[in-house]
Amino acid sequence: MDRIGPTIKRRLEQIIVENEMLRAGFAALPYLVLRDTRLSIGARVTYAVLLMYAWQDEACFAGQEKMSKDIGVSDRQVRDYLKELQDHGYIRIKRQGLNKPNLYYILDVKSKLEKGRRQVGTEL
């Protein structure tokens, strides 16, 4: 009887993902960003890519060239998307100087959430 218990427990503790796409990983996009119609689709995808990079080890170097390849757009378009995210208060970009990578800060959007909740409350 003791042998069956550990076997059953081992089987219950396993999660088997059969979908190859899900096994490759995914990035979660906050609803706040997803639903912000002021942002272009490209800016929303860029935000998701920044999160993907950051969640790898909580922080990482995300060069614009790598981002452009991952998204499938030009370096210039990535810069436009990043500026859009910065202009709307989702990220902060710190430029470190010539031949040094930029630092990207994904900002706390608590005030945006609170504002959204207040607007929903007034519509009811």
PDB file of N, CA and C in Angstrom:
ATOM      1  N   MET A   1       0.824  -1.195   0.000  1.00  0.00           N
ATOM      2  CA  MET A   1       0.000   0.000   0.000  1.00  0.00           C
ATOM      3  C   MET A   1       0.863   1.252   0.000  1.00  0.00           C
ATOM      4  N   ASP A   2       1.972   1.215   0.679  1.00  0.00           N
ATOM      5  CA  ASP A   2       2.855   2.370   0.737  1.00  0.00           C
ATOM      6  C   ASP A   2       3.401   2.732  -0.648  1.00  0.00           C
ATOM      7  N   ARG A   3       3.555   1.759  -1.511  1.00  0.00           N
ATOM      8  CA  ARG A   3       4.117   2.013  -2.843  1.00  0.00           C
ATOM      9  C   ARG A   3       3.131   2.766  -3.732  1.00  0.00           C
ATOM     10  N   ILE A   4       1.851   2.549  -3.597  1.00  0.00           N
ATOM     11  CA  ILE A   4       0.846   3.174  -4.454  1.00  0.00           C
ATOM     12  C   ILE A   4       0.715   4.656  -4.123  1.00  0.00           C
ATOM     13  N   GLY A   5       0.747   5.014  -2.864  1.00  0.00           N
ATOM     14  CA  GLY A   5       0.591   6.412  -2.445  1.00  0.00           C
ATOM     15  C   GLY A   5       1.589   7.353  -3.118  1.00  0.00           C
ATOM     16  N   PRO A   6       2.906   7.077  -3.033  1.00  0.00           N
ATOM     17  CA  PRO A   6       3.880   7.960  -3.690  1.00  0.00           C
ATOM     18  C   PRO A   6       3.717   8.014  -5.205  1.00  0.00           C
ATOM     19  N   THR A   7       3.331   6.898  -5.807  1.00  0.00           N
ATOM     20  CA  THR A   7       3.133   6.868  -7.261  1.00  0.00           C
ATOM     21  C   THR A   7       1.973   7.777  -7.658  1.00  0.00           C
ATOM     22  N   ILE A   8       0.881   7.669  -6.949  1.00  0.00           N
ATOM     23  CA  ILE A   8      -0.274   8.519  -7.232  1.00  0.00           C
ATOM     24  C   ILE A   8       0.074   9.982  -6.988  1.00  0.00           C
ATOM     25  N   LYS A   9       0.754  10.258  -5.889  1.00  0.00           N
ATOM     26  CA  LYS A   9       1.140  11.632  -5.574  1.00  0.00           C
ATOM     27  C   LYS A   9       2.031  12.202  -6.685  1.00  0.00           C
ATOM     28  N   ARG A  10       2.988  11.406  -7.148  1.00  0.00           N
ATOM     29  CA  ARG A  10       3.898  11.853  -8.200  1.00  0.00           C
ATOM     30  C   ARG A  10       3.115  12.193  -9.474  1.00  0.00           C
ATOM     31  N   ARG A  11       2.147  11.378  -9.808  1.00  0.00           N
ATOM     32  CA  ARG A  11       1.333  11.623 -11.008  1.00  0.00           C
ATOM     33  C   ARG A  11       0.472  12.861 -10.849  1.00  0.00           C
ATOM     34  N   LEU A  12      -0.038  13.107  -9.680  1.00  0.00           N
ATOM     35  CA  LEU A  12      -0.888  14.284  -9.454  1.00  0.00           C
ATOM     36  C   LEU A  12      -0.074  15.575  -9.444  1.00  0.00           C
ATOM     37  N   GLU A  13       1.189  15.507  -9.097  1.00  0.00           N
ATOM     38  CA  GLU A  13       2.026  16.697  -9.024  1.00  0.00           C
ATOM     39  C   GLU A  13       2.559  17.119 -10.385  1.00  0.00           C
ATOM     40  N   GLN A  14       2.437  16.282 -11.388  1.00  0.00           N
ATOM     41  CA  GLN A  14       2.970  16.590 -12.710  1.00  0.00           C
ATOM     42  C   GLN A  14       1.956  17.371 -13.522  1.00  0.00           C
ATOM     43  N   ILE A  15       2.456  18.337 -14.260  1.00  0.00           N
ATOM     44  CA  ILE A  15       1.647  19.055 -15.231  1.00  0.00           C
ATOM     45  C   ILE A  15       2.317  18.840 -16.573  1.00  0.00           C
ATOM     46  N   ILE A  16       1.596  18.265 -17.477  1.00  0.00           N
ATOM     47  CA  ILE A  16       2.152  17.956 -18.781  1.00  0.00           C
ATOM     48  C   ILE A  16       1.516  18.890 -19.805  1.00  0.00           C
ATOM     49  N   VAL A  17       2.334  19.713 -20.431  1.00  0.00           N
ATOM     50  CA  VAL A  17       1.863  20.633 -21.458  1.00  0.00           C
ATOM     51  C   VAL A  17       2.121  19.988 -22.808  1.00  0.00           C
ATOM     52  N   GLU A  18       1.063  19.640 -23.497  1.00  0.00           N
ATOM     53  CA  GLU A  18       1.201  18.992 -24.795  1.00  0.00           C
ATOM     54  C   GLU A  18       1.349  19.999 -25.931  1.00  0.00           C
ATOM     55  N   ASN A  19       0.885  21.201 -25.725  1.00  0.00           N
ATOM     56  CA  ASN A  19       0.948  22.218 -26.765  1.00  0.00           C
ATOM     57  C   ASN A  19       2.368  22.752 -26.871  1.00  0.00           C
ATOM     58  N   GLU A  20       3.002  22.512 -28.011  1.00  0.00           N
ATOM     59  CA  GLU A  20       4.399  22.914 -28.210  1.00  0.00           C
ATOM     60  C   GLU A  20       4.584  24.419 -28.074  1.00  0.00           C
ATOM     61  N   MET A  21       3.616  25.203 -28.533  1.00  0.00           N
ATOM     62  CA  MET A  21       3.709  26.657 -28.443  1.00  0.00           C
ATOM     63  C   MET A  21       3.745  27.113 -26.979  1.00  0.00           C
ATOM     64  N   LEU A  22       2.925  26.517 -26.132  1.00  0.00           N
ATOM     65  CA  LEU A  22       2.916  26.880 -24.720  1.00  0.00           C
ATOM     66  C   LEU A  22       4.200  26.444 -24.018  1.00  0.00           C
ATOM     67  N   ARG A  23       4.761  25.315 -24.417  1.00  0.00           N
ATOM     68  CA  ARG A  23       6.018  24.863 -23.826  1.00  0.00           C
ATOM     69  C   ARG A  23       7.154  25.833 -24.143  1.00  0.00           C
ATOM     70  N   ALA A  24       7.057  26.526 -25.276  1.00  0.00           N
ATOM     71  CA  ALA A  24       8.092  27.490 -25.670  1.00  0.00           C
ATOM     72  C   ALA A  24       8.040  28.746 -24.808  1.00  0.00           C
ATOM     73  N   GLY A  25       6.957  28.950 -24.068  1.00  0.00           N
ATOM     74  CA  GLY A  25       6.822  30.101 -23.191  1.00  0.00           C
ATOM     75  C   GLY A  25       5.853  31.127 -23.745  1.00  0.00           C
ATOM     76  N   PHE A  26       5.454  32.057 -22.896  1.00  0.00           N
ATOM     77  CA  PHE A  26       4.537  33.109 -23.314  1.00  0.00           C
ATOM     78  C   PHE A  26       4.717  34.306 -22.391  1.00  0.00           C
ATOM     79  N   ALA A  27       4.233  35.448 -22.835  1.00  0.00           N
ATOM     80  CA  ALA A  27       4.273  36.667 -22.024  1.00  0.00           C
ATOM     81  C   ALA A  27       2.843  37.100 -21.748  1.00  0.00           C
ATOM     82  N   ALA A  28       2.578  37.467 -20.525  1.00  0.00           N
ATOM     83  CA  ALA A  28       1.259  37.961 -20.151  1.00  0.00           C
ATOM     84  C   ALA A  28       1.244  39.476 -20.331  1.00  0.00           C
ATOM     85  N   LEU A  29       0.220  39.966 -20.976  1.00  0.00           N
ATOM     86  CA  LEU A  29       0.072  41.402 -21.194  1.00  0.00           C
ATOM     87  C   LEU A  29      -1.023  41.905 -20.271  1.00  0.00           C
ATOM     88  N   PRO A  30      -0.711  42.856 -19.391  1.00  0.00           N
ATOM     89  CA  PRO A  30      -1.738  43.374 -18.482  1.00  0.00           C
ATOM     90  C   PRO A  30      -2.922  43.954 -19.261  1.00  0.00           C
ATOM     91  N   TYR A  31      -4.116  43.727 -18.761  1.00  0.00           N
ATOM     92  CA  TYR A  31      -5.318  44.254 -19.405  1.00  0.00           C
ATOM     93  C   TYR A  31      -5.237  45.764 -19.588  1.00  0.00           C
ATOM     94  N   LEU A  32      -4.649  46.445 -18.632  1.00  0.00           N
ATOM     95  CA  LEU A  32      -4.530  47.900 -18.709  1.00  0.00           C
ATOM     96  C   LEU A  32      -3.811  48.319 -19.985  1.00  0.00           C
ATOM     97  N   VAL A  33      -2.753  47.616 -20.335  1.00  0.00           N
ATOM     98  CA  VAL A  33      -2.002  47.913 -21.555  1.00  0.00           C
ATOM     99  C   VAL A  33      -2.782  47.425 -22.773  1.00  0.00           C
ATOM    100  N   LEU A  34      -3.314  46.228 -22.688  1.00  0.00           N
ATOM    101  CA  LEU A  34      -4.053  45.640 -23.798  1.00  0.00           C
ATOM    102  C   LEU A  34      -5.232  46.517 -24.217  1.00  0.00           C
ATOM    103  N   ARG A  35      -5.912  47.107 -23.256  1.00  0.00           N
ATOM    104  CA  ARG A  35      -7.122  47.886 -23.531  1.00  0.00           C
ATOM    105  C   ARG A  35      -6.874  49.375 -23.747  1.00  0.00           C
ATOM    106  N   ASP A  36      -5.645  49.826 -23.612  1.00  0.00           N
ATOM    107  CA  ASP A  36      -5.350  51.254 -23.775  1.00  0.00           C
ATOM    108  C   ASP A  36      -5.334  51.594 -25.262  1.00  0.00           C
ATOM    109  N   THR A  37      -6.443  52.099 -25.763  1.00  0.00           N
ATOM    110  CA  THR A  37      -6.580  52.373 -27.195  1.00  0.00           C
ATOM    111  C   THR A  37      -5.743  53.562 -27.655  1.00  0.00           C
ATOM    112  N   ARG A  38      -5.132  54.281 -26.727  1.00  0.00           N
ATOM    113  CA  ARG A  38      -4.201  55.353 -27.123  1.00  0.00           C
ATOM    114  C   ARG A  38      -2.917  54.756 -27.669  1.00  0.00           C
ATOM    115  N   LEU A  39      -2.622  53.521 -27.290  1.00  0.00           N
ATOM    116  CA  LEU A  39      -1.407  52.847 -27.744  1.00  0.00           C
ATOM    117  C   LEU A  39      -1.660  52.110 -29.049  1.00  0.00           C
ATOM    118  N   SER A  40      -0.692  52.169 -29.939  1.00  0.00           N
ATOM    119  CA  SER A  40      -0.773  51.382 -31.161  1.00  0.00           C
ATOM    120  C   SER A  40      -0.602  49.903 -30.805  1.00  0.00           C
ATOM    121  N   ILE A  41      -1.005  49.045 -31.718  1.00  0.00           N
ATOM    122  CA  ILE A  41      -0.808  47.607 -31.517  1.00  0.00           C
ATOM    123  C   ILE A  41       0.680  47.309 -31.339  1.00  0.00           C
ATOM    124  N   GLY A  42       1.517  47.978 -32.125  1.00  0.00           N
ATOM    125  CA  GLY A  42       2.967  47.768 -32.033  1.00  0.00           C
ATOM    126  C   GLY A  42       3.525  48.129 -30.670  1.00  0.00           C
ATOM    127  N   ALA A  43       3.018  49.201 -30.067  1.00  0.00           N
ATOM    128  CA  ALA A  43       3.480  49.593 -28.732  1.00  0.00           C
ATOM    129  C   ALA A  43       3.062  48.558 -27.699  1.00  0.00           C
ATOM    130  N   ARG A  44       1.871  47.999 -27.859  1.00  0.00           N
ATOM    131  CA  ARG A  44       1.404  46.965 -26.919  1.00  0.00           C
ATOM    132  C   ARG A  44       2.268  45.709 -27.030  1.00  0.00           C
ATOM    133  N   VAL A  45       2.606  45.326 -28.253  1.00  0.00           N
ATOM    134  CA  VAL A  45       3.469  44.154 -28.454  1.00  0.00           C
ATOM    135  C   VAL A  45       4.868  44.440 -27.899  1.00  0.00           C
ATOM    136  N   THR A  46       5.358  45.642 -28.094  1.00  0.00           N
ATOM    137  CA  THR A  46       6.677  46.023 -27.571  1.00  0.00           C
ATOM    138  C   THR A  46       6.690  45.931 -26.043  1.00  0.00           C
ATOM    139  N   TYR A  47       5.617  46.352 -25.402  1.00  0.00           N
ATOM    140  CA  TYR A  47       5.500  46.244 -23.944  1.00  0.00           C
ATOM    141  C   TYR A  47       5.567  44.770 -23.532  1.00  0.00           C
ATOM    142  N   ALA A  48       4.860  43.911 -24.255  1.00  0.00           N
ATOM    143  CA  ALA A  48       4.876  42.474 -23.945  1.00  0.00           C
ATOM    144  C   ALA A  48       6.277  41.901 -24.118  1.00  0.00           C
ATOM    145  N   VAL A  49       6.998  42.343 -25.141  1.00  0.00           N
ATOM    146  CA  VAL A  49       8.359  41.861 -25.376  1.00  0.00           C
ATOM    147  C   VAL A  49       9.287  42.335 -24.255  1.00  0.00           C
ATOM    148  N   LEU A  50       9.136  43.566 -23.809  1.00  0.00           N
ATOM    149  CA  LEU A  50       9.938  44.043 -22.670  1.00  0.00           C
ATOM    150  C   LEU A  50       9.674  43.185 -21.432  1.00  0.00           C
ATOM    151  N   LEU A  51       8.412  42.857 -21.190  1.00  0.00           N
ATOM    152  CA  LEU A  51       8.079  41.990 -20.051  1.00  0.00           C
ATOM    153  C   LEU A  51       8.702  40.613 -20.221  1.00  0.00           C
ATOM    154  N   MET A  52       8.656  40.091 -21.434  1.00  0.00           N
ATOM    155  CA  MET A  52       9.244  38.777 -21.701  1.00  0.00           C
ATOM    156  C   MET A  52      10.729  38.791 -21.346  1.00  0.00           C
ATOM    157  N   TYR A  53      11.439  39.824 -21.788  1.00  0.00           N
ATOM    158  CA  TYR A  53      12.862  39.927 -21.476  1.00  0.00           C
ATOM    159  C   TYR A  53      13.081  40.055 -19.965  1.00  0.00           C
ATOM    160  N   ALA A  54      12.303  40.901 -19.323  1.00  0.00           N
ATOM    161  CA  ALA A  54      12.489  41.151 -17.893  1.00  0.00           C
ATOM    162  C   ALA A  54      12.206  39.908 -17.062  1.00  0.00           C
ATOM    163  N   TRP A  55      11.225  39.110 -17.437  1.00  0.00           N
ATOM    164  CA  TRP A  55      10.855  37.937 -16.658  1.00  0.00           C
ATOM    165  C   TRP A  55      11.847  36.805 -16.806  1.00  0.00           C
ATOM    166  N   GLN A  56      12.772  36.922 -17.733  1.00  0.00           N
ATOM    167  CA  GLN A  56      13.763  35.869 -17.877  1.00  0.00           C
ATOM    168  C   GLN A  56      14.613  35.768 -16.623  1.00  0.00           C
ATOM    169  N   ASP A  57      15.090  36.871 -16.113  1.00  0.00           N
ATOM    170  CA  ASP A  57      15.895  36.897 -14.883  1.00  0.00           C
ATOM    171  C   ASP A  57      15.592  38.143 -14.070  1.00  0.00           C
ATOM    172  N   GLU A  58      14.364  38.630 -14.130  1.00  0.00           N
ATOM    173  CA  GLU A  58      13.895  39.843 -13.488  1.00  0.00           C
ATOM    174  C   GLU A  58      14.421  41.104 -14.154  1.00  0.00           C
ATOM    175  N   ALA A  59      15.508  41.026 -14.877  1.00  0.00           N
ATOM    176  CA  ALA A  59      16.034  42.155 -15.632  1.00  0.00           C
ATOM    177  C   ALA A  59      17.023  41.612 -16.646  1.00  0.00           C
ATOM    178  N   CYS A  60      17.158  42.297 -17.751  1.00  0.00           N
ATOM    179  CA  CYS A  60      18.122  41.877 -18.752  1.00  0.00           C
ATOM    180  C   CYS A  60      18.387  43.020 -19.720  1.00  0.00           C
ATOM    181  N   PHE A  61      19.381  42.850 -20.552  1.00  0.00           N
ATOM    182  CA  PHE A  61      19.670  43.826 -21.592  1.00  0.00           C
ATOM    183  C   PHE A  61      18.776  43.536 -22.783  1.00  0.00           C
ATOM    184  N   ALA A  62      18.007  44.513 -23.186  1.00  0.00           N
ATOM    185  CA  ALA A  62      17.114  44.342 -24.330  1.00  0.00           C
ATOM    186  C   ALA A  62      17.473  45.380 -25.381  1.00  0.00           C
ATOM    187  N   GLY A  63      18.365  45.015 -26.285  1.00  0.00           N
ATOM    188  CA  GLY A  63      18.768  45.941 -27.337  1.00  0.00           C
ATOM    189  C   GLY A  63      17.651  46.151 -28.341  1.00  0.00           C
ATOM    190  N   GLN A  64      17.622  47.335 -28.926  1.00  0.00           N
ATOM    191  CA  GLN A  64      16.582  47.654 -29.898  1.00  0.00           C
ATOM    192  C   GLN A  64      16.676  46.766 -31.134  1.00  0.00           C
ATOM    193  N   GLU A  65      17.888  46.370 -31.494  1.00  0.00           N
ATOM    194  CA  GLU A  65      18.050  45.483 -32.651  1.00  0.00           C
ATOM    195  C   GLU A  65      17.398  44.122 -32.370  1.00  0.00           C
ATOM    196  N   LYS A  66      17.626  43.590 -31.166  1.00  0.00           N
ATOM    197  CA  LYS A  66      17.008  42.307 -30.795  1.00  0.00           C
ATOM    198  C   LYS A  66      15.497  42.459 -30.737  1.00  0.00           C
ATOM    199  N   MET A  67      15.030  43.551 -30.143  1.00  0.00           N
ATOM    200  CA  MET A  67      13.583  43.771 -30.072  1.00  0.00           C
ATOM    201  C   MET A  67      12.977  43.831 -31.460  1.00  0.00           C
ATOM    202  N   SER A  68      13.634  44.542 -32.368  1.00  0.00           N
ATOM    203  CA  SER A  68      13.080  44.679 -33.722  1.00  0.00           C
ATOM    204  C   SER A  68      13.000  43.320 -34.419  1.00  0.00           C
ATOM    205  N   LYS A  69      13.996  42.472 -34.208  1.00  0.00           N
ATOM    206  CA  LYS A  69      13.968  41.131 -34.802  1.00  0.00           C
ATOM    207  C   LYS A  69      12.860  40.278 -34.188  1.00  0.00           C
ATOM    208  N   ASP A  70      12.708  40.354 -32.869  1.00  0.00           N
ATOM    209  CA  ASP A  70      11.680  39.562 -32.190  1.00  0.00           C
ATOM    210  C   ASP A  70      10.269  39.989 -32.593  1.00  0.00           C
ATOM    211  N   ILE A  71      10.079  41.288 -32.830  1.00  0.00           N
ATOM    212  CA  ILE A  71       8.761  41.808 -33.181  1.00  0.00           C
ATOM    213  C   ILE A  71       8.517  41.728 -34.694  1.00  0.00           C
ATOM    214  N   GLY A  72       9.606  41.816 -35.467  1.00  0.00           N
ATOM    215  CA  GLY A  72       9.469  41.764 -36.916  1.00  0.00           C
ATOM    216  C   GLY A  72       9.266  43.126 -37.554  1.00  0.00           C
ATOM    217  N   VAL A  73       9.859  44.148 -36.939  1.00  0.00           N
ATOM    218  CA  VAL A  73       9.770  45.507 -37.471  1.00  0.00           C
ATOM    219  C   VAL A  73      11.171  46.117 -37.501  1.00  0.00           C
ATOM    220  N   SER A  74      11.280  47.324 -38.027  1.00  0.00           N
ATOM    221  CA  SER A  74      12.577  47.996 -38.105  1.00  0.00           C
ATOM    222  C   SER A  74      13.001  48.543 -36.740  1.00  0.00           C
ATOM    223  N   ASP A  75      14.292  48.823 -36.606  1.00  0.00           N
ATOM    224  CA  ASP A  75      14.805  49.451 -35.382  1.00  0.00           C
ATOM    225  C   ASP A  75      14.090  50.777 -35.128  1.00  0.00           C
ATOM    226  N   ARG A  76      13.878  51.529 -36.186  1.00  0.00           N
ATOM    227  CA  ARG A  76      13.210  52.834 -36.081  1.00  0.00           C
ATOM    228  C   ARG A  76      11.800  52.677 -35.524  1.00  0.00           C
ATOM    229  N   GLN A  77      11.089  51.665 -36.005  1.00  0.00           N
ATOM    230  CA  GLN A  77       9.724  51.437 -35.521  1.00  0.00           C
ATOM    231  C   GLN A  77       9.729  51.070 -34.040  1.00  0.00           C
ATOM    232  N   VAL A  78      10.708  50.281 -33.612  1.00  0.00           N
ATOM    233  CA  VAL A  78      10.824  49.940 -32.187  1.00  0.00           C
ATOM    234  C   VAL A  78      11.041  51.211 -31.367  1.00  0.00           C
ATOM    235  N   ARG A  79      11.907  52.085 -31.835  1.00  0.00           N
ATOM    236  CA  ARG A  79      12.133  53.349 -31.113  1.00  0.00           C
ATOM    237  C   ARG A  79      10.839  54.159 -31.003  1.00  0.00           C
ATOM    238  N   ASP A  80      10.048  54.168 -32.073  1.00  0.00           N
ATOM    239  CA  ASP A  80       8.759  54.873 -32.032  1.00  0.00           C
ATOM    240  C   ASP A  80       7.819  54.244 -31.009  1.00  0.00           C
ATOM    241  N   TYR A  81       7.766  52.927 -30.983  1.00  0.00           N
ATOM    242  CA  TYR A  81       6.907  52.231 -30.018  1.00  0.00           C
ATOM    243  C   TYR A  81       7.363  52.500 -28.585  1.00  0.00           C
ATOM    244  N   LEU A  82       8.674  52.472 -28.370  1.00  0.00           N
ATOM    245  CA  LEU A  82       9.203  52.739 -27.027  1.00  0.00           C
ATOM    246  C   LEU A  82       8.874  54.170 -26.585  1.00  0.00           C
ATOM    247  N   LYS A  83       8.989  55.110 -27.504  1.00  0.00           N
ATOM    248  CA  LYS A  83       8.651  56.508 -27.187  1.00  0.00           C
ATOM    249  C   LYS A  83       7.170  56.627 -26.845  1.00  0.00           C
ATOM    250  N   GLU A  84       6.349  55.926 -27.598  1.00  0.00           N
ATOM    251  CA  GLU A  84       4.908  55.920 -27.336  1.00  0.00           C
ATOM    252  C   GLU A  84       4.613  55.395 -25.928  1.00  0.00           C
ATOM    253  N   LEU A  85       5.252  54.297 -25.561  1.00  0.00           N
ATOM    254  CA  LEU A  85       5.066  53.746 -24.213  1.00  0.00           C
ATOM    255  C   LEU A  85       5.552  54.718 -23.147  1.00  0.00           C
ATOM    256  N   GLN A  86       6.654  55.391 -23.414  1.00  0.00           N
ATOM    257  CA  GLN A  86       7.179  56.369 -22.463  1.00  0.00           C
ATOM    258  C   GLN A  86       6.230  57.574 -22.360  1.00  0.00           C
ATOM    259  N   ASP A  87       5.756  58.057 -23.485  1.00  0.00           N
ATOM    260  CA  ASP A  87       4.858  59.216 -23.489  1.00  0.00           C
ATOM    261  C   ASP A  87       3.562  58.955 -22.725  1.00  0.00           C
ATOM    262  N   HIS A  88       3.138  57.695 -22.684  1.00  0.00           N
ATOM    263  CA  HIS A  88       1.892  57.354 -21.986  1.00  0.00           C
ATOM    264  C   HIS A  88       2.137  56.823 -20.572  1.00  0.00           C
ATOM    265  N   GLY A  89       3.371  56.898 -20.107  1.00  0.00           N
ATOM    266  CA  GLY A  89       3.668  56.588 -18.713  1.00  0.00           C
ATOM    267  C   GLY A  89       3.803  55.118 -18.368  1.00  0.00           C
ATOM    268  N   TYR A  90       4.063  54.263 -19.351  1.00  0.00           N
ATOM    269  CA  TYR A  90       4.224  52.848 -19.067  1.00  0.00           C
ATOM    270  C   TYR A  90       5.680  52.458 -18.813  1.00  0.00           C
ATOM    271  N   ILE A  91       6.598  53.158 -19.455  1.00  0.00           N
ATOM    272  CA  ILE A  91       8.016  52.868 -19.257  1.00  0.00           C
ATOM    273  C   ILE A  91       8.786  54.178 -19.114  1.00  0.00           C
ATOM    274  N   ARG A  92       9.991  54.053 -18.594  1.00  0.00           N
ATOM    275  CA  ARG A  92      10.937  55.171 -18.562  1.00  0.00           C
ATOM    276  C   ARG A  92      12.215  54.657 -19.202  1.00  0.00           C
ATOM    277  N   ILE A  93      12.796  55.470 -20.048  1.00  0.00           N
ATOM    278  CA  ILE A  93      14.024  55.094 -20.734  1.00  0.00           C
ATOM    279  C   ILE A  93      15.142  55.976 -20.211  1.00  0.00           C
ATOM    280  N   LYS A  94      16.213  55.350 -19.769  1.00  0.00           N
ATOM    281  CA  LYS A  94      17.387  56.089 -19.318  1.00  0.00           C
ATOM    282  C   LYS A  94      18.506  55.838 -20.320  1.00  0.00           C
ATOM    283  N   ARG A  95      18.891  56.895 -20.991  1.00  0.00           N
ATOM    284  CA  ARG A  95      19.982  56.783 -21.950  1.00  0.00           C
ATOM    285  C   ARG A  95      21.294  56.953 -21.201  1.00  0.00           C
ATOM    286  N   GLN A  96      22.211  56.032 -21.443  1.00  0.00           N
ATOM    287  CA  GLN A  96      23.460  56.027 -20.686  1.00  0.00           C
ATOM    288  C   GLN A  96      24.635  56.621 -21.450  1.00  0.00           C
ATOM    289  N   GLY A  97      24.449  56.945 -22.704  1.00  0.00           N
ATOM    290  CA  GLY A  97      25.539  57.544 -23.456  1.00  0.00           C
ATOM    291  C   GLY A  97      25.932  56.719 -24.659  1.00  0.00           C
ATOM    292  N   LEU A  98      26.859  57.259 -25.410  1.00  0.00           N
ATOM    293  CA  LEU A  98      27.310  56.653 -26.652  1.00  0.00           C
ATOM    294  C   LEU A  98      27.834  55.234 -26.440  1.00  0.00           C
ATOM    295  N   ASN A  99      27.361  54.321 -27.262  1.00  0.00           N
ATOM    296  CA  ASN A  99      27.759  52.900 -27.247  1.00  0.00           C
ATOM    297  C   ASN A  99      27.432  52.178 -25.947  1.00  0.00           C
ATOM    298  N   LYS A 100      26.530  52.734 -25.165  1.00  0.00           N
ATOM    299  CA  LYS A 100      26.067  52.068 -23.944  1.00  0.00           C
ATOM    300  C   LYS A 100      24.582  51.782 -24.106  1.00  0.00           C
ATOM    301  N   PRO A 101      24.123  50.648 -23.610  1.00  0.00           N
ATOM    302  CA  PRO A 101      22.707  50.302 -23.780  1.00  0.00           C
ATOM    303  C   PRO A 101      21.801  51.189 -22.925  1.00  0.00           C
ATOM    304  N   ASN A 102      20.620  51.446 -23.449  1.00  0.00           N
ATOM    305  CA  ASN A 102      19.612  52.156 -22.671  1.00  0.00           C
ATOM    306  C   ASN A 102      19.115  51.244 -21.552  1.00  0.00           C
ATOM    307  N   LEU A 103      18.635  51.862 -20.495  1.00  0.00           N
ATOM    308  CA  LEU A 103      17.954  51.129 -19.429  1.00  0.00           C
ATOM    309  C   LEU A 103      16.464  51.380 -19.591  1.00  0.00           C
ATOM    310  N   TYR A 104      15.680  50.329 -19.493  1.00  0.00           N
ATOM    311  CA  TYR A 104      14.234  50.445 -19.624  1.00  0.00           C
ATOM    312  C   TYR A 104      13.601  50.094 -18.281  1.00  0.00           C
ATOM    313  N   TYR A 105      12.817  51.006 -17.751  1.00  0.00           N
ATOM    314  CA  TYR A 105      12.113  50.784 -16.500  1.00  0.00           C
ATOM    315  C   TYR A 105      10.636  50.585 -16.811  1.00  0.00           C
ATOM    316  N   ILE A 106      10.092  49.465 -16.407  1.00  0.00           N
ATOM    317  CA  ILE A 106       8.663  49.222 -16.542  1.00  0.00           C
ATOM    318  C   ILE A 106       8.036  49.807 -15.286  1.00  0.00           C
ATOM    319  N   LEU A 107       7.260  50.862 -15.478  1.00  0.00           N
ATOM    320  CA  LEU A 107       6.777  51.663 -14.360  1.00  0.00           C
ATOM    321  C   LEU A 107       5.577  51.030 -13.668  1.00  0.00           C
ATOM    322  N   ASP A 108       5.448  51.367 -12.396  1.00  0.00           N
ATOM    323  CA  ASP A 108       4.287  50.969 -11.611  1.00  0.00           C
ATOM    324  C   ASP A 108       3.109  51.806 -12.102  1.00  0.00           C
ATOM    325  N   VAL A 109       2.072  51.159 -12.559  1.00  0.00           N
ATOM    326  CA  VAL A 109       0.942  51.893 -13.120  1.00  0.00           C
ATOM    327  C   VAL A 109      -0.258  51.901 -12.165  1.00  0.00           C
ATOM    328  N   LYS A 110       0.019  51.891 -10.883  1.00  0.00           N
ATOM    329  CA  LYS A 110      -1.041  51.873  -9.868  1.00  0.00           C
ATOM    330  C   LYS A 110      -1.993  53.053 -10.050  1.00  0.00           C
ATOM    331  N   SER A 111      -1.445  54.241 -10.332  1.00  0.00           N
ATOM    332  CA  SER A 111      -2.302  55.415 -10.493  1.00  0.00           C
ATOM    333  C   SER A 111      -3.219  55.254 -11.708  1.00  0.00           C
ATOM    334  N   LYS A 112      -2.734  54.593 -12.767  1.00  0.00           N
ATOM    335  CA  LYS A 112      -3.573  54.343 -13.944  1.00  0.00           C
ATOM    336  C   LYS A 112      -4.707  53.387 -13.586  1.00  0.00           C
ATOM    337  N   LEU A 113      -4.414  52.381 -12.783  1.00  0.00           N
ATOM    338  CA  LEU A 113      -5.440  51.430 -12.363  1.00  0.00           C
ATOM    339  C   LEU A 113      -6.515  52.126 -11.530  1.00  0.00           C
ATOM    340  N   GLU A 114      -6.070  52.954 -10.596  1.00  0.00           N
ATOM    341  CA  GLU A 114      -7.021  53.663  -9.739  1.00  0.00           C
ATOM    342  C   GLU A 114      -7.890  54.608 -10.560  1.00  0.00           C
ATOM    343  N   LYS A 115      -7.290  55.293 -11.534  1.00  0.00           N
ATOM    344  CA  LYS A 115      -8.036  56.198 -12.399  1.00  0.00           C
ATOM    345  C   LYS A 115      -9.068  55.409 -13.201  1.00  0.00           C
ATOM    346  N   GLY A 116      -8.671  54.255 -13.726  1.00  0.00           N
ATOM    347  CA  GLY A 116      -9.592  53.414 -14.486  1.00  0.00           C
ATOM    348  C   GLY A 116     -10.754  52.931 -13.640  1.00  0.00           C
ATOM    349  N   ARG A 117     -10.486  52.587 -12.395  1.00  0.00           N
ATOM    350  CA  ARG A 117     -11.556  52.127 -11.502  1.00  0.00           C
ATOM    351  C   ARG A 117     -12.524  53.262 -11.205  1.00  0.00           C
ATOM    352  N   ARG A 118     -11.999  54.477 -11.011  1.00  0.00           N
ATOM    353  CA  ARG A 118     -12.872  55.633 -10.744  1.00  0.00           C
ATOM    354  C   ARG A 118     -13.750  55.918 -11.954  1.00  0.00           C
ATOM    355  N   GLN A 119     -13.188  55.811 -13.169  1.00  0.00           N
ATOM    356  CA  GLN A 119     -13.973  56.070 -14.383  1.00  0.00           C
ATOM    357  C   GLN A 119     -15.054  55.027 -14.548  1.00  0.00           C
ATOM    358  N   VAL A 120     -14.748  53.777 -14.268  1.00  0.00           N
ATOM    359  CA  VAL A 120     -15.774  52.723 -14.364  1.00  0.00           C
ATOM    360  C   VAL A 120     -16.862  52.973 -13.345  1.00  0.00           C
ATOM    361  N   GLY A 121     -16.504  53.427 -12.142  1.00  0.00           N
ATOM    362  CA  GLY A 121     -17.484  53.715 -11.095  1.00  0.00           C
ATOM    363  C   GLY A 121     -18.430  54.844 -11.474  1.00  0.00           C
ATOM    364  N   THR A 122     -17.951  55.841 -12.212  1.00  0.00           N
ATOM    365  CA  THR A 122     -18.798  56.967 -12.598  1.00  0.00           C
ATOM    366  C   THR A 122     -19.706  56.632 -13.757  1.00  0.00           C
ATOM    367  N   GLU A 123     -19.345  55.602 -14.551  1.00  0.00           N
ATOM    368  CA  GLU A 123     -20.165  55.224 -15.693  1.00  0.00           C
ATOM    369  C   GLU A 123     -21.386  54.417 -15.254  1.00  0.00           C
ATOM    370  N   LEU A 124     -21.317  53.812 -14.081  1.00  0.00           N
ATOM    371  CA  LEU A 124     -22.421  52.960 -13.613  1.00  0.00           C
ATOM    372  C   LEU A 124     -23.548  53.747 -13.053  1.00  0.00           C
TER     373      LEU A 124
END
